[in-house]
All heavy atoms as atom14 arrays in JSON, in Angstrom:
{
  "sequence": "DLGGGLAVDYDGSHTNYTNSRNYTLDEYCAD",
  "atom14_mask": [
    [1, 1, 1, 1, 1, 1, 1, 1, 0, 0, 0, 0, 0, 0],
    [1, 1, 1, 1, 1, 1, 1, 1, 0, 0, 0, 0, 0, 0],
    [1, 1, 1, 1, 0, 0, 0, 0, 0, 0, 0, 0, 0, 0],
    [1, 1, 1, 1, 0, 0, 0, 0, 0, 0, 0, 0, 0, 0],
    [1, 1, 1, 1, 0, 0, 0, 0, 0, 0, 0, 0, 0, 0],
    [1, 1, 1, 1, 1, 1, 1, 1, 0, 0, 0, 0, 0, 0],
    [1, 1, 1, 1, 1, 0, 0, 0, 0, 0, 0, 0, 0, 0],
    [1, 1, 1, 1, 1, 1, 1, 0, 0, 0, 0, 0, 0, 0],
    [1, 1, 1, 1, 1, 1, 1, 1, 0, 0, 0, 0, 0, 0],
    [1, 1, 1, 1, 1, 1, 1, 1, 1, 1, 1, 1, 0, 0],
    [1, 1, 1, 1, 1, 1, 1, 1, 0, 0, 0, 0, 0, 0],
    [1, 1, 1, 1, 0, 0, 0, 0, 0, 0, 0, 0, 0, 0],
    [1, 1, 1, 1, 1, 1, 0, 0, 0, 0, 0, 0, 0, 0],
    [1, 1, 1, 1, 1, 1, 1, 1, 1, 1, 0, 0, 0, 0],
    [1, 1, 1, 1, 1, 1, 1, 0, 0, 0, 0, 0, 0, 0],
    [1, 1, 1, 1, 1, 1, 1, 1, 0, 0, 0, 0, 0, 0],
    [1, 1, 1, 1, 1, 1, 1, 1, 1, 1, 1, 1, 0, 0],
    [1, 1, 1, 1, 1, 1, 1, 0, 0, 0, 0, 0, 0, 0],
    [1, 1, 1, 1, 1, 1, 1, 1, 0, 0, 0, 0, 0, 0],
    [1, 1, 1, 1, 1, 1, 0, 0, 0, 0, 0, 0, 0, 0],
    [1, 1, 1, 1, 1, 1, 1, 1, 1, 1, 1, 0, 0, 0],
    [1, 1, 1, 1, 1, 1, 1, 1, 0, 0, 0, 0, 0, 0],
    [1, 1, 1, 1, 1, 1, 1, 1, 1, 1, 1, 1, 0, 0],
    [1, 1, 1, 1, 1, 1, 1, 0, 0, 0, 0, 0, 0, 0],
    [1, 1, 1, 1, 1, 1, 1, 1, 0, 0, 0, 0, 0, 0],
    [1, 1, 1, 1, 1, 1, 1, 1, 0, 0, 0, 0, 0, 0],
    [1, 1, 1, 1, 1, 1, 1, 1, 1, 0, 0, 0, 0, 0],
    [1, 1, 1, 1, 1, 1, 1, 1, 1, 1, 1, 1, 0, 0],
    [1, 1, 1, 1, 1, 1, 0, 0, 0, 0, 0, 0, 0, 0],
    [1, 1, 1, 1, 1, 0, 0, 0, 0, 0, 0, 0, 0, 0],
    [1, 1, 1, 1, 1, 1, 1, 1, 0, 0, 0, 0, 0, 0]
  ],
  "atom14_positions": [
    [[0.88, -1.21, -0.08], [0.0, 0.0, -0.05], [0.88, 1.22, 0.07], [1.55, 1.48, 0.98], [-0.9, 0.02, 1.22], [-1.87, 1.17, 1.28], [-1.68, 2.04, 0.56], [-2.87, 1.09, 2.13], [0.0, 0.0, 0.0], [0.0, 0.0, 0.0], [0.0, 0.0, 0.0], [0.0, 0.0, 0.0], [0.0, 0.0, 0.0], [0.0, 0.0, 0.0]],
    [[0.82, 1.95, -1.1], [1.73, 3.01, -1.28], [1.12, 4.41, -0.77], [1.72, 5.51, -0.74], [2.11, 3.32, -2.76], [2.53, 2.06, -3.5], [2.77, 2.42, -5.06], [3.74, 1.42, -2.91], [0.0, 0.0, 0.0], [0.0, 0.0, 0.0], [0.0, 0.0, 0.0], [0.0, 0.0, 0.0], [0.0, 0.0, 0.0], [0.0, 0.0, 0.0]],
    [[0.05, 4.26, -0.14], [-0.65, 5.53, 0.38], [-1.0, 6.5, -0.63], [-1.24, 6.18, -1.86], [0.0, 0.0, 0.0], [0.0, 0.0, 0.0], [0.0, 0.0, 0.0], [0.0, 0.0, 0.0], [0.0, 0.0, 0.0], [0.0, 0.0, 0.0], [0.0, 0.0, 0.0], [0.0, 0.0, 0.0], [0.0, 0.0, 0.0], [0.0, 0.0, 0.0]],
    [[-1.24, 7.76, -0.19], [-1.52, 8.82, -1.1], [-0.38, 9.43, -1.84], [0.67, 8.86, -1.68], [0.0, 0.0, 0.0], [0.0, 0.0, 0.0], [0.0, 0.0, 0.0], [0.0, 0.0, 0.0], [0.0, 0.0, 0.0], [0.0, 0.0, 0.0], [0.0, 0.0, 0.0], [0.0, 0.0, 0.0], [0.0, 0.0, 0.0], [0.0, 0.0, 0.0]],
    [[-0.55, 10.62, -2.39], [0.57, 11.25, -2.94], [0.4, 11.73, -4.46], [1.03, 12.66, -4.85], [0.0, 0.0, 0.0], [0.0, 0.0, 0.0], [0.0, 0.0, 0.0], [0.0, 0.0, 0.0], [0.0, 0.0, 0.0], [0.0, 0.0, 0.0], [0.0, 0.0, 0.0], [0.0, 0.0, 0.0], [0.0, 0.0, 0.0], [0.0, 0.0, 0.0]],
    [[-0.42, 10.93, -5.17], [-0.61, 11.33, -6.6], [-1.3, 12.78, -6.5], [-2.28, 12.98, -6.11], [-1.67, 10.35, -7.28], [-2.05, 10.66, -8.63], [-0.86, 10.75, -9.63], [-3.0, 9.6, -9.11], [0.0, 0.0, 0.0], [0.0, 0.0, 0.0], [0.0, 0.0, 0.0], [0.0, 0.0, 0.0], [0.0, 0.0, 0.0], [0.0, 0.0, 0.0]],
    [[-0.44, 13.58, -7.21], [-0.74, 15.03, -7.1], [-1.79, 15.47, -8.21], [-2.08, 14.78, -9.24], [0.42, 15.95, -7.27], [0.0, 0.0, 0.0], [0.0, 0.0, 0.0], [0.0, 0.0, 0.0], [0.0, 0.0, 0.0], [0.0, 0.0, 0.0], [0.0, 0.0, 0.0], [0.0, 0.0, 0.0], [0.0, 0.0, 0.0], [0.0, 0.0, 0.0]],
    [[-2.43, 16.58, -7.95], [-3.3, 17.31, -8.96], [-2.57, 18.52, -9.34], [-1.92, 19.36, -8.64], [-4.69, 17.73, -8.27], [-5.51, 18.67, -9.24], [-5.42, 16.5, -7.87], [0.0, 0.0, 0.0], [0.0, 0.0, 0.0], [0.0, 0.0, 0.0], [0.0, 0.0, 0.0], [0.0, 0.0, 0.0], [0.0, 0.0, 0.0], [0.0, 0.0, 0.0]],
    [[-2.53, 18.68, -10.75], [-1.85, 19.83, -11.38], [-2.77, 21.08, -11.34], [-3.45, 21.37, -12.32], [-1.44, 19.54, -12.83], [-0.44, 20.49, -13.3], [-0.09, 21.58, -12.68], [-0.04, 20.38, -14.52], [0.0, 0.0, 0.0], [0.0, 0.0, 0.0], [0.0, 0.0, 0.0], [0.0, 0.0, 0.0], [0.0, 0.0, 0.0], [0.0, 0.0, 0.0]],
    [[-2.84, 21.8, -10.16], [-3.87, 22.8, -9.96], [-3.48, 24.03, -10.87], [-4.43, 24.79, -11.17], [-3.82, 23.38, -8.48], [-4.42, 22.3, -7.57], [-3.75, 21.47, -6.84], [-5.83, 22.3, -7.28], [-4.23, 20.46, -5.96], [-6.42, 21.46, -6.39], [-5.66, 20.54, -5.7], [-6.28, 19.6, -4.9], [0.0, 0.0, 0.0], [0.0, 0.0, 0.0]],
    [[-2.34, 24.19, -11.2], [-2.05, 25.46, -12.01], [-1.75, 25.12, -13.47], [-1.59, 26.0, -14.3], [-0.95, 26.29, -11.46], [0.47, 25.57, -11.37], [0.58, 24.51, -11.99], [1.32, 25.97, -10.58], [0.0, 0.0, 0.0], [0.0, 0.0, 0.0], [0.0, 0.0, 0.0], [0.0, 0.0, 0.0], [0.0, 0.0, 0.0], [0.0, 0.0, 0.0]],
    [[-1.63, 23.78, -13.84], [-1.46, 23.5, -15.21], [-0.02, 23.6, -15.72], [0.17, 23.63, -16.91], [0.0, 0.0, 0.0], [0.0, 0.0, 0.0], [0.0, 0.0, 0.0], [0.0, 0.0, 0.0], [0.0, 0.0, 0.0], [0.0, 0.0, 0.0], [0.0, 0.0, 0.0], [0.0, 0.0, 0.0], [0.0, 0.0, 0.0], [0.0, 0.0, 0.0]],
    [[0.95, 23.9, -14.79], [2.27, 24.23, -15.21], [3.12, 22.95, -15.53], [4.23, 23.05, -16.1], [3.0, 25.06, -14.24], [3.12, 24.4, -13.01], [0.0, 0.0, 0.0], [0.0, 0.0, 0.0], [0.0, 0.0, 0.0], [0.0, 0.0, 0.0], [0.0, 0.0, 0.0], [0.0, 0.0, 0.0], [0.0, 0.0, 0.0], [0.0, 0.0, 0.0]],
    [[2.72, 21.82, -14.95], [3.42, 20.57, -15.16], [4.87, 20.72, -14.77], [5.86, 20.3, -15.35], [3.37, 20.08, -16.71], [3.69, 18.62, -16.77], [2.85, 17.64, -16.43], [4.69, 18.05, -17.53], [3.37, 16.47, -16.74], [4.51, 16.65, -17.34], [0.0, 0.0, 0.0], [0.0, 0.0, 0.0], [0.0, 0.0, 0.0], [0.0, 0.0, 0.0]],
    [[5.01, 21.21, -13.46], [6.31, 21.42, -12.81], [6.26, 20.82, -11.39], [5.25, 20.34, -10.97], [6.56, 22.91, -12.67], [5.54, 23.54, -11.72], [6.46, 23.57, -14.0], [0.0, 0.0, 0.0], [0.0, 0.0, 0.0], [0.0, 0.0, 0.0], [0.0, 0.0, 0.0], [0.0, 0.0, 0.0], [0.0, 0.0, 0.0], [0.0, 0.0, 0.0]],
    [[7.47, 20.86, -10.75], [7.44, 20.38, -9.37], [7.2, 21.45, -8.38], [7.56, 21.36, -7.2], [8.75, 19.75, -8.99], [9.93, 20.66, -9.21], [9.76, 21.91, -9.44], [11.17, 20.23, -8.92], [0.0, 0.0, 0.0], [0.0, 0.0, 0.0], [0.0, 0.0, 0.0], [0.0, 0.0, 0.0], [0.0, 0.0, 0.0], [0.0, 0.0, 0.0]],
    [[6.43, 22.51, -8.87], [5.79, 23.45, -7.99], [4.88, 22.85, -7.03], [4.21, 21.89, -7.25], [5.25, 24.66, -8.78], [4.69, 25.78, -7.93], [5.58, 26.55, -7.11], [3.26, 26.1, -7.95], [5.01, 27.52, -6.44], [2.89, 27.13, -7.27], [3.63, 27.87, -6.44], [3.18, 28.9, -5.68], [0.0, 0.0, 0.0], [0.0, 0.0, 0.0]],
    [[4.71, 23.34, -5.79], [3.81, 22.8, -4.78], [2.39, 22.42, -5.19], [1.82, 21.43, -4.96], [3.67, 23.81, -3.56], [5.03, 23.93, -2.99], [2.83, 23.25, -2.49], [0.0, 0.0, 0.0], [0.0, 0.0, 0.0], [0.0, 0.0, 0.0], [0.0, 0.0, 0.0], [0.0, 0.0, 0.0], [0.0, 0.0, 0.0], [0.0, 0.0, 0.0]],
    [[1.81, 23.39, -6.11], [0.5, 23.18, -6.54], [0.39, 22.53, -7.93], [-0.58, 22.64, -8.6], [-0.24, 24.52, -6.63], [-0.48, 25.12, -5.18], [-1.26, 24.6, -4.41], [0.37, 26.12, -4.92], [0.0, 0.0, 0.0], [0.0, 0.0, 0.0], [0.0, 0.0, 0.0], [0.0, 0.0, 0.0], [0.0, 0.0, 0.0], [0.0, 0.0, 0.0]],
    [[1.41, 21.78, -8.31], [1.41, 21.16, -9.63], [1.99, 19.71, -9.53], [2.14, 19.26, -8.34], [2.36, 22.1, -10.49], [2.33, 21.52, -11.82], [0.0, 0.0, 0.0], [0.0, 0.0, 0.0], [0.0, 0.0, 0.0], [0.0, 0.0, 0.0], [0.0, 0.0, 0.0], [0.0, 0.0, 0.0], [0.0, 0.0, 0.0], [0.0, 0.0, 0.0]],
    [[2.4, 19.21, -10.56], [3.2, 17.92, -10.65], [3.85, 17.83, -11.88], [3.48, 18.33, -12.96], [2.17, 16.77, -10.45], [1.33, 16.44, -11.64], [0.39, 15.31, -11.41], [-0.24, 14.86, -12.61], [-1.35, 14.08, -12.73], [-1.86, 13.66, -11.58], [-1.84, 13.75, -13.83], [0.0, 0.0, 0.0], [0.0, 0.0, 0.0], [0.0, 0.0, 0.0]],
    [[5.12, 17.2, -11.79], [5.91, 17.14, -13.04], [5.95, 15.81, -13.7], [6.82, 15.33, -14.35], [7.43, 17.55, -12.65], [8.05, 16.51, -11.67], [7.46, 15.58, -11.28], [9.39, 16.72, -11.44], [0.0, 0.0, 0.0], [0.0, 0.0, 0.0], [0.0, 0.0, 0.0], [0.0, 0.0, 0.0], [0.0, 0.0, 0.0], [0.0, 0.0, 0.0]],
    [[4.76, 15.15, -13.57], [4.55, 13.83, -14.16], [3.07, 13.61, -14.58], [2.23, 14.3, -14.1], [5.02, 12.69, -13.23], [4.31, 12.88, -11.8], [3.15, 12.07, -11.58], [4.91, 13.63, -10.81], [2.46, 12.17, -10.36], [4.17, 13.76, -9.58], [3.06, 13.0, -9.38], [2.44, 13.1, -8.1], [0.0, 0.0, 0.0], [0.0, 0.0, 0.0]],
    [[2.93, 12.68, -15.45], [1.61, 12.24, -15.86], [1.16, 11.03, -15.13], [2.0, 10.35, -14.4], [1.53, 12.02, -17.41], [2.33, 10.85, -17.68], [1.98, 13.18, -18.11], [0.0, 0.0, 0.0], [0.0, 0.0, 0.0], [0.0, 0.0, 0.0], [0.0, 0.0, 0.0], [0.0, 0.0, 0.0], [0.0, 0.0, 0.0], [0.0, 0.0, 0.0]],
    [[-0.13, 10.67, -15.27], [-0.52, 9.41, -14.61], [0.15, 8.17, -15.19], [0.48, 7.22, -14.48], [-2.08, 9.33, -14.83], [-2.73, 8.05, -14.17], [-2.55, 8.01, -12.69], [-4.23, 8.05, -14.52], [0.0, 0.0, 0.0], [0.0, 0.0, 0.0], [0.0, 0.0, 0.0], [0.0, 0.0, 0.0], [0.0, 0.0, 0.0], [0.0, 0.0, 0.0]],
    [[0.41, 8.3, -16.53], [1.24, 7.14, -17.19], [2.51, 7.03, -16.58], [3.08, 5.85, -16.23], [1.36, 7.49, -18.66], [0.18, 6.93, -19.52], [-0.84, 6.57, -18.93], [0.35, 6.9, -20.73], [0.0, 0.0, 0.0], [0.0, 0.0, 0.0], [0.0, 0.0, 0.0], [0.0, 0.0, 0.0], [0.0, 0.0, 0.0], [0.0, 0.0, 0.0]],
    [[3.18, 8.18, -16.34], [4.5, 8.15, -15.72], [4.4, 7.66, -14.33], [5.38, 6.85, -13.83], [5.16, 9.47, -15.83], [5.48, 9.95, -17.23], [5.88, 11.43, -17.25], [5.38, 12.23, -16.54], [6.73, 11.8, -18.11], [0.0, 0.0, 0.0], [0.0, 0.0, 0.0], [0.0, 0.0, 0.0], [0.0, 0.0, 0.0], [0.0, 0.0, 0.0]],
    [[3.44, 8.04, -13.53], [3.29, 7.63, -12.15], [3.21, 6.08, -12.07], [3.88, 5.44, -11.29], [2.0, 8.33, -11.65], [1.58, 7.94, -10.19], [2.2, 8.4, -9.11], [0.49, 7.0, -10.07], [1.76, 7.91, -7.85], [0.03, 6.64, -8.9], [0.7, 7.12, -7.67], [0.29, 6.68, -6.51], [0.0, 0.0, 0.0], [0.0, 0.0, 0.0]],
    [[2.2, 5.55, -12.88], [2.0, 4.06, -12.76], [3.23, 3.39, -13.31], [3.56, 2.37, -12.65], [0.86, 3.78, -13.82], [-0.79, 4.46, -13.26], [0.0, 0.0, 0.0], [0.0, 0.0, 0.0], [0.0, 0.0, 0.0], [0.0, 0.0, 0.0], [0.0, 0.0, 0.0], [0.0, 0.0, 0.0], [0.0, 0.0, 0.0], [0.0, 0.0, 0.0]],
    [[3.91, 3.91, -14.4], [5.13, 3.12, -14.93], [6.26, 3.15, -13.93], [6.88, 2.14, -13.69], [5.44, 3.78, -16.27], [0.0, 0.0, 0.0], [0.0, 0.0, 0.0], [0.0, 0.0, 0.0], [0.0, 0.0, 0.0], [0.0, 0.0, 0.0], [0.0, 0.0, 0.0], [0.0, 0.0, 0.0], [0.0, 0.0, 0.0], [0.0, 0.0, 0.0]],
    [[6.42, 4.21, -13.32], [7.57, 4.37, -12.32], [7.41, 3.39, -11.18], [8.31, 2.84, -10.68], [7.79, 5.78, -11.94], [8.72, 6.54, -12.89], [8.79, 6.09, -14.0], [9.28, 7.56, -12.37], [0.0, 0.0, 0.0], [0.0, 0.0, 0.0], [0.0, 0.0, 0.0], [0.0, 0.0, 0.0], [0.0, 0.0, 0.0], [0.0, 0.0, 0.0]]
  ]
}
């Protein structure tokens, strides 16, 4: 059980900024 963590890209910047994420769902699952 990996817990939570999958982020929401609230600002759409696709970065590692606090309110974003620098990965897609595909990348998340693959990694």
